[in-house]
Structure formats: structure tokens, C-alpha cells
Protein backbone atom coordinates (compact mmCIF):
# COMPACT_ATOMS: atom_id res chain seq x y z
CA MET A 1 -20.32 19.05 -88.26
CA THR A 2 -20.96 15.40 -88.93
CA GLY A 3 -22.70 13.88 -85.95
CA ALA A 4 -22.88 17.20 -84.11
CA SER A 5 -26.13 18.73 -83.01
CA ALA A 6 -27.62 21.65 -84.91
CA VAL A 7 -26.62 23.98 -82.08
CA ALA A 8 -22.99 23.23 -81.22
CA VAL A 9 -22.51 22.64 -77.51
CA LYS A 10 -19.04 23.12 -76.06
CA GLU A 11 -18.01 19.90 -74.32
CA ILE A 12 -14.45 21.05 -73.57
CA GLU A 13 -13.11 24.60 -73.29
CA VAL A 14 -9.37 25.19 -73.00
CA ARG A 15 -7.96 28.64 -72.33
CA ASP A 16 -4.27 29.63 -72.27
CA LEU A 17 -3.10 26.12 -71.39
CA ARG A 18 0.59 25.96 -70.58
CA LEU A 19 2.54 22.89 -69.56
CA ALA A 20 6.14 22.64 -68.46
CA TYR A 21 8.27 19.67 -67.49
CA GLY A 22 10.75 20.98 -64.98
CA GLY A 23 11.79 24.33 -66.38
CA LYS A 24 11.01 23.51 -70.01
CA GLU A 25 7.64 24.66 -71.36
CA VAL A 26 6.24 22.26 -73.95
CA ILE A 27 2.72 23.67 -74.46
CA HIS A 28 2.62 27.40 -74.98
CA GLY A 29 -0.70 28.96 -74.05
CA ILE A 30 -3.09 27.15 -76.37
CA SER A 31 -6.85 27.80 -76.45
CA PHE A 32 -9.56 25.77 -78.20
CA GLU A 33 -12.99 24.16 -77.84
CA VAL A 34 -14.26 20.67 -78.51
CA TYR A 35 -17.94 20.34 -79.38
CA ARG A 36 -20.31 17.63 -78.23
CA ASN A 37 -20.50 14.61 -80.55
CA GLU A 38 -17.76 15.77 -82.84
CA ILE A 39 -14.58 13.94 -83.73
CA LEU A 40 -11.63 16.29 -83.35
CA ALA A 41 -8.37 15.02 -84.84
CA VAL A 42 -5.07 16.29 -83.48
CA ILE A 43 -2.13 15.91 -85.86
CA GLY A 44 1.48 16.99 -85.72
CA PRO A 45 5.03 15.60 -85.57
CA ALA A 46 6.43 13.77 -82.55
CA GLN A 47 7.24 15.95 -79.55
CA SER A 48 4.56 18.50 -80.47
CA GLY A 49 2.68 18.09 -77.17
CA LYS A 50 -0.26 16.04 -78.43
CA THR A 51 -0.21 13.32 -75.76
CA SER A 52 0.64 15.82 -73.02
CA MET A 53 -2.36 17.90 -74.02
CA LEU A 54 -4.67 14.88 -73.69
CA ARG A 55 -3.30 14.15 -70.25
CA CYS A 56 -4.11 17.69 -69.13
CA LEU A 57 -7.80 17.12 -69.88
CA ASN A 58 -8.37 14.48 -67.20
CA ARG A 59 -5.44 15.45 -64.99
CA THR A 60 -3.44 12.26 -65.52
CA ILE A 61 -0.60 14.69 -66.21
CA GLU A 62 -0.40 14.94 -62.42
CA PHE A 63 1.15 11.47 -62.34
CA THR A 64 4.29 13.16 -63.71
CA SER A 65 5.90 14.90 -60.74
CA SER A 66 7.88 17.38 -62.86
CA ALA A 67 4.78 18.64 -64.72
CA SER A 68 3.45 22.13 -64.06
CA VAL A 69 0.14 23.25 -65.59
CA THR A 70 -1.43 26.70 -65.83
CA GLY A 71 -4.49 27.95 -67.67
CA THR A 72 -8.05 26.67 -67.61
CA VAL A 73 -9.62 23.43 -68.81
CA ARG A 74 -13.39 23.13 -68.49
CA VAL A 75 -15.28 19.91 -69.16
CA GLY A 76 -19.04 20.26 -69.21
CA GLY A 77 -18.57 23.78 -67.87
CA GLU A 78 -16.61 22.62 -64.81
CA ASP A 79 -13.01 23.67 -64.21
CA VAL A 80 -11.19 20.33 -64.02
CA ARG A 81 -8.52 21.71 -61.69
CA LYS A 82 -11.17 22.73 -59.16
CA THR A 83 -13.25 19.58 -59.28
CA GLY A 84 -13.83 17.87 -55.97
CA ASP A 85 -13.98 14.39 -57.50
CA ILE A 86 -11.03 13.62 -59.76
CA PHE A 87 -12.19 10.02 -60.15
CA ALA A 88 -15.53 11.18 -61.58
CA LEU A 89 -13.58 13.36 -64.02
CA ARG A 90 -11.52 10.39 -65.18
CA ARG A 91 -14.64 8.28 -65.59
CA LYS A 92 -16.07 11.05 -67.75
CA ILE A 93 -13.02 11.08 -70.03
CA GLY A 94 -11.99 7.65 -71.31
CA MET A 95 -8.41 7.21 -72.51
CA VAL A 96 -7.00 4.69 -74.99
CA ALA A 97 -3.21 4.44 -75.15
CA PRO A 98 -1.09 3.90 -78.29
CA LEU A 99 -0.28 0.29 -77.38
CA PRO A 100 -2.92 -2.07 -75.99
CA VAL A 101 -2.39 -2.53 -72.26
CA GLY A 102 -4.41 -5.54 -71.20
CA LEU A 103 -4.81 -6.20 -67.50
CA PRO A 104 -3.65 -9.72 -66.46
CA LEU A 105 -7.30 -10.69 -66.04
CA THR A 106 -9.97 -12.48 -68.03
CA ILE A 107 -11.67 -10.70 -70.91
CA TYR A 108 -14.75 -10.29 -68.73
CA ASP A 109 -12.82 -8.93 -65.76
CA ASN A 110 -10.90 -6.49 -67.97
CA VAL A 111 -14.15 -4.84 -69.00
CA ALA A 112 -15.80 -5.18 -65.57
CA PHE A 113 -12.79 -3.66 -63.78
CA ALA A 114 -13.89 -0.01 -63.86
CA PRO A 115 -17.57 -0.67 -63.01
CA ARG A 116 -16.45 -2.76 -60.04
CA CYS A 117 -14.19 0.06 -58.88
CA SER A 118 -17.20 2.37 -58.95
CA GLY A 119 -19.17 0.02 -56.69
CA LEU A 120 -20.97 -2.43 -58.97
CA GLN A 121 -20.42 -6.01 -57.85
CA ARG A 122 -23.49 -8.05 -58.83
CA LYS A 123 -23.04 -10.14 -61.96
CA ALA A 124 -26.56 -9.23 -63.03
CA ASP A 125 -25.46 -5.57 -63.12
CA LEU A 126 -22.08 -6.22 -64.72
CA ASP A 127 -23.14 -8.60 -67.50
CA PRO A 128 -25.04 -6.04 -69.61
CA ILE A 129 -22.24 -3.48 -69.22
CA VAL A 130 -19.63 -6.00 -70.35
CA GLU A 131 -21.69 -7.09 -73.33
CA LYS A 132 -22.56 -3.55 -74.41
CA SER A 133 -18.95 -2.37 -74.13
CA LEU A 134 -17.63 -5.31 -76.12
CA ARG A 135 -20.32 -4.82 -78.75
CA GLN A 136 -19.46 -1.12 -79.02
CA ALA A 137 -15.83 -2.09 -79.54
CA ALA A 138 -16.81 -4.62 -82.26
CA LEU A 139 -15.34 -7.48 -80.21
CA TRP A 140 -18.36 -9.26 -78.71
CA ASP A 141 -18.92 -11.78 -81.52
CA GLU A 142 -15.28 -12.85 -81.39
CA VAL A 143 -15.02 -13.38 -77.64
CA LYS A 144 -18.54 -14.03 -76.30
CA ASP A 145 -17.83 -17.77 -75.92
CA ARG A 146 -14.51 -17.29 -74.10
CA LEU A 147 -15.04 -14.42 -71.70
CA GLY A 148 -13.18 -16.42 -69.06
CA SER A 149 -9.98 -16.48 -71.14
CA LEU A 150 -7.09 -14.14 -70.45
CA GLY A 151 -7.37 -10.80 -72.23
CA THR A 152 -3.61 -10.80 -72.77
CA ALA A 153 -3.95 -13.94 -74.92
CA LEU A 154 -5.91 -12.06 -77.58
CA SER A 155 -4.30 -10.83 -80.80
CA GLY A 156 -2.89 -7.31 -80.88
CA GLY A 157 -5.90 -5.91 -82.70
CA GLN A 158 -8.31 -7.66 -80.37
CA GLN A 159 -6.41 -6.36 -77.35
CA GLN A 160 -6.69 -2.81 -78.68
CA ARG A 161 -10.43 -3.24 -79.08
CA LEU A 162 -10.54 -4.70 -75.56
CA THR A 163 -8.80 -1.55 -74.37
CA ILE A 164 -11.52 0.51 -76.06
CA ALA A 165 -14.21 -1.66 -74.46
CA ARG A 166 -12.60 -1.11 -71.07
CA ALA A 167 -12.57 2.65 -71.65
CA LEU A 168 -16.24 2.53 -72.62
CA SER A 169 -17.27 0.42 -69.63
CA HIS A 170 -17.61 3.44 -67.34
CA GLN A 171 -19.80 5.19 -69.93
CA PRO A 172 -17.54 8.19 -70.65
CA GLU A 173 -18.88 11.34 -72.22
CA ILE A 174 -15.55 11.91 -73.97
CA LEU A 175 -13.20 9.34 -75.51
CA CYS A 176 -9.56 10.26 -76.16
CA LEU A 177 -7.53 7.98 -78.40
CA ASP A 178 -3.77 8.39 -78.64
CA GLU A 179 -2.36 6.75 -81.78
CA PHE A 180 -4.69 3.76 -81.34
CA SER A 181 -3.61 2.18 -84.64
CA ILE A 182 0.15 2.40 -84.18
CA ALA A 183 0.60 -1.35 -83.57
CA ILE A 184 -2.31 -2.97 -85.41
CA ASP A 185 -2.95 -4.05 -88.96
CA PRO A 186 -4.85 -1.95 -91.54
CA VAL A 187 -7.93 -4.21 -91.52
CA THR A 188 -8.32 -3.93 -87.75
CA THR A 189 -7.66 -0.19 -87.99
CA MET A 190 -10.55 0.20 -90.41
CA ARG A 191 -12.83 -1.85 -88.13
CA ILE A 192 -12.03 0.44 -85.21
CA GLU A 193 -12.58 3.51 -87.39
CA ASP A 194 -16.07 2.18 -88.18
CA VAL A 195 -16.64 1.72 -84.43
CA LEU A 196 -15.62 5.32 -83.78
CA LYS A 197 -18.04 6.64 -86.39
CA GLU A 198 -20.86 4.79 -84.65
CA LEU A 199 -19.76 5.91 -81.19
CA GLN A 200 -19.84 9.53 -82.32
CA GLU A 201 -23.61 9.46 -82.02
CA GLU A 202 -23.22 8.96 -78.26
CA ILE A 203 -19.93 10.56 -77.21
CA THR A 204 -17.34 13.17 -78.11
CA ILE A 205 -14.07 11.87 -79.53
CA ILE A 206 -10.57 13.36 -79.60
CA LEU A 207 -8.26 11.44 -81.91
CA VAL A 208 -4.51 11.99 -81.77
CA THR A 209 -2.98 10.50 -84.89
CA ASN A 210 0.12 10.76 -87.04
CA LEU A 211 -1.87 9.37 -89.97
CA THR A 212 -3.18 12.40 -91.82
CA GLN A 213 -5.45 10.30 -94.02
CA GLN A 214 -7.02 8.76 -90.93
CA ALA A 215 -7.71 12.25 -89.58
CA ARG A 216 -9.20 13.20 -92.92
CA ARG A 217 -11.47 10.12 -93.01
CA LEU A 218 -12.78 10.36 -89.47
CA SER A 219 -12.80 13.88 -88.12
CA ASP A 220 -15.13 16.84 -88.33
CA ARG A 221 -12.33 19.25 -87.44
CA THR A 222 -8.55 18.94 -87.30
CA MET A 223 -6.02 20.67 -85.07
CA PHE A 224 -2.43 20.91 -86.25
CA LEU A 225 -0.21 21.11 -83.18
CA LEU A 226 3.44 21.97 -83.74
CA GLU A 227 6.03 22.46 -81.00
CA GLY A 228 3.34 23.08 -78.41
CA GLU A 229 1.39 25.67 -80.42
CA ILE A 230 -1.80 25.42 -82.46
CA VAL A 231 -0.88 26.27 -86.02
CA GLU A 232 -4.29 25.44 -87.48
CA LEU A 233 -7.73 24.48 -86.22
CA ASP A 234 -10.44 24.25 -88.84
CA SER A 235 -12.84 21.88 -90.53
CA SER A 236 -11.03 18.83 -91.83
CA GLU A 237 -12.32 19.64 -95.29
CA VAL A 238 -10.41 22.92 -95.20
CA VAL A 239 -7.27 21.50 -93.57
CA PHE A 240 -6.90 18.68 -96.08
CA SER A 241 -8.13 20.42 -99.22
CA GLY A 242 -5.07 22.61 -99.62
CA ASP A 243 -6.94 25.68 -98.35
CA ALA A 244 -5.36 25.71 -94.89
CA ARG A 245 -4.29 29.19 -93.81
CA SER A 246 -0.79 28.20 -92.74
CA GLU A 247 1.89 27.10 -95.18
CA LYS A 248 3.25 24.86 -92.40
CA THR A 249 -0.08 23.01 -92.28
CA ARG A 250 -0.14 22.56 -96.04
CA ASP A 251 3.44 21.26 -95.99
CA TYR A 252 2.74 18.82 -93.14
CA VAL A 253 -0.40 17.44 -94.79
CA ARG A 254 1.56 16.97 -98.06
CA GLY A 255 4.29 15.10 -96.19
CA VAL A 256 7.00 17.70 -96.68
CA PHE A 257 7.98 17.18 -93.03
CA GLY A 258 6.72 15.29 -90.01
């Protein structure tokens, strides 16, 4: 795997994960692993359970009162449903939503928000975190002279990178991105893709995307999720070379449906 260690370490282990909303099951007993420092792409049509699966990893699915989850999700060997500190779990797993959601705060305060919530208050402690996070998100050079400006006044692409910087500010071990490029231009998309390749040296990345070519460019492995079931999970080279085991995968990658 590109960026993975010689001995693959399991960062996430999922076993027989099932999710239902009310009485309707939408994820049907899926099992998979995510390895440390890999980029795992998750592709599939709308309503396949991709976003719901991400939300099961850090238990934000619990914000939906009708959701019912069974099965096991382990992060770093710990069962996430038995953890005593759900806030530590959510700091460990950073999430980036499809549309940039800037807090109505300055650029600086957007990035400093999570560290402050964890107890850091001194500017001397926050400054290096803010700068590092913005640099990692390839935004520092564009905003370093206006950190006191509102984050919501940035362009759409800059706001998405600010969202990534905010997710990185609590130093997550895992970064989950859900259709991060859905509302930004191709040039900004490519800049963020370059950022993700660099971040892979430090963290594990799960990338949900409807753009099969993006998955092909970025990921070590690709999961094809269809109607709540894993149809394919293999190296991206195999999935996109036409050698995928499932005809459904080959059809989806060719654009026959989706």
C-alpha cells in the first residue's frame, strides 16, 4: 500500500455492522478493516449507506434518534460502543462534511475552536496549532494576514480547506471525508487531493466519493458499497483496471449506472 507501513496495522476493524433507521435496515452486516496510513476510498451510488457508515465509526450516528446499530466497530483495538470517553473518540476521528460548514467566527477561532474545547486557552499554545492546521490544509499562505476575518467570508474552496484545518486541529488519527469536492472547483479539488496525499504520511484517511477517478487517483484500496452491502473491496489498481471480481463493480466504474 502506498504510504502504509511494511507491516499493515489495523486502525479500524468493523464486524457485522448493521444499521437501521426505524424499522428499515440500510447497512446489512458489513465487515472490513482499514489499515494505518492508507487511503481507503468508498464509492457507490446515492443511498448506498456510505455516509451512514462513516457516522457509525465515531458514533455521530447517535444524533439520529431513529438509528439502531449492531455489530462491532473497533478503533485502535477499542470497541467504540464501549468507550468511556466519546469525546476522545470524536477527537480521534476527524470528519469533513460534503459542504463547508464554517462557524460564524474568525478564521483563527474556527481552527482554535476544538483545542479550546479540550482545555487549551493560552494564545501561545493555540498559535502553533492554528498555523500547523492551516498549513496542512494548504490555506496558511492565503489567510495568514487576515486571521481575524470571518471564516464565512472566504470563498467556497477556502471554506472547505478551513473545514479540513478545523478537523485537523485536534490532531486526529483518522480523517473521514464525505464528498469533500462536491461544491468546489476542479483546481481547488486538486489542491486538496495533494494535501491528502501529504497527510497520509501522518494519518489514516477514509474518502467517500462519487468521483471514481478521484478514488482511483488517491486511494490504496477501494470499497464499492451498494444498497448497504460491500460488493467489492480490493486494491484500487484491481478495482479500476477492469479486473474487479463483481460485474456490478465493473459496470459502476464504467459508468453503466450510478
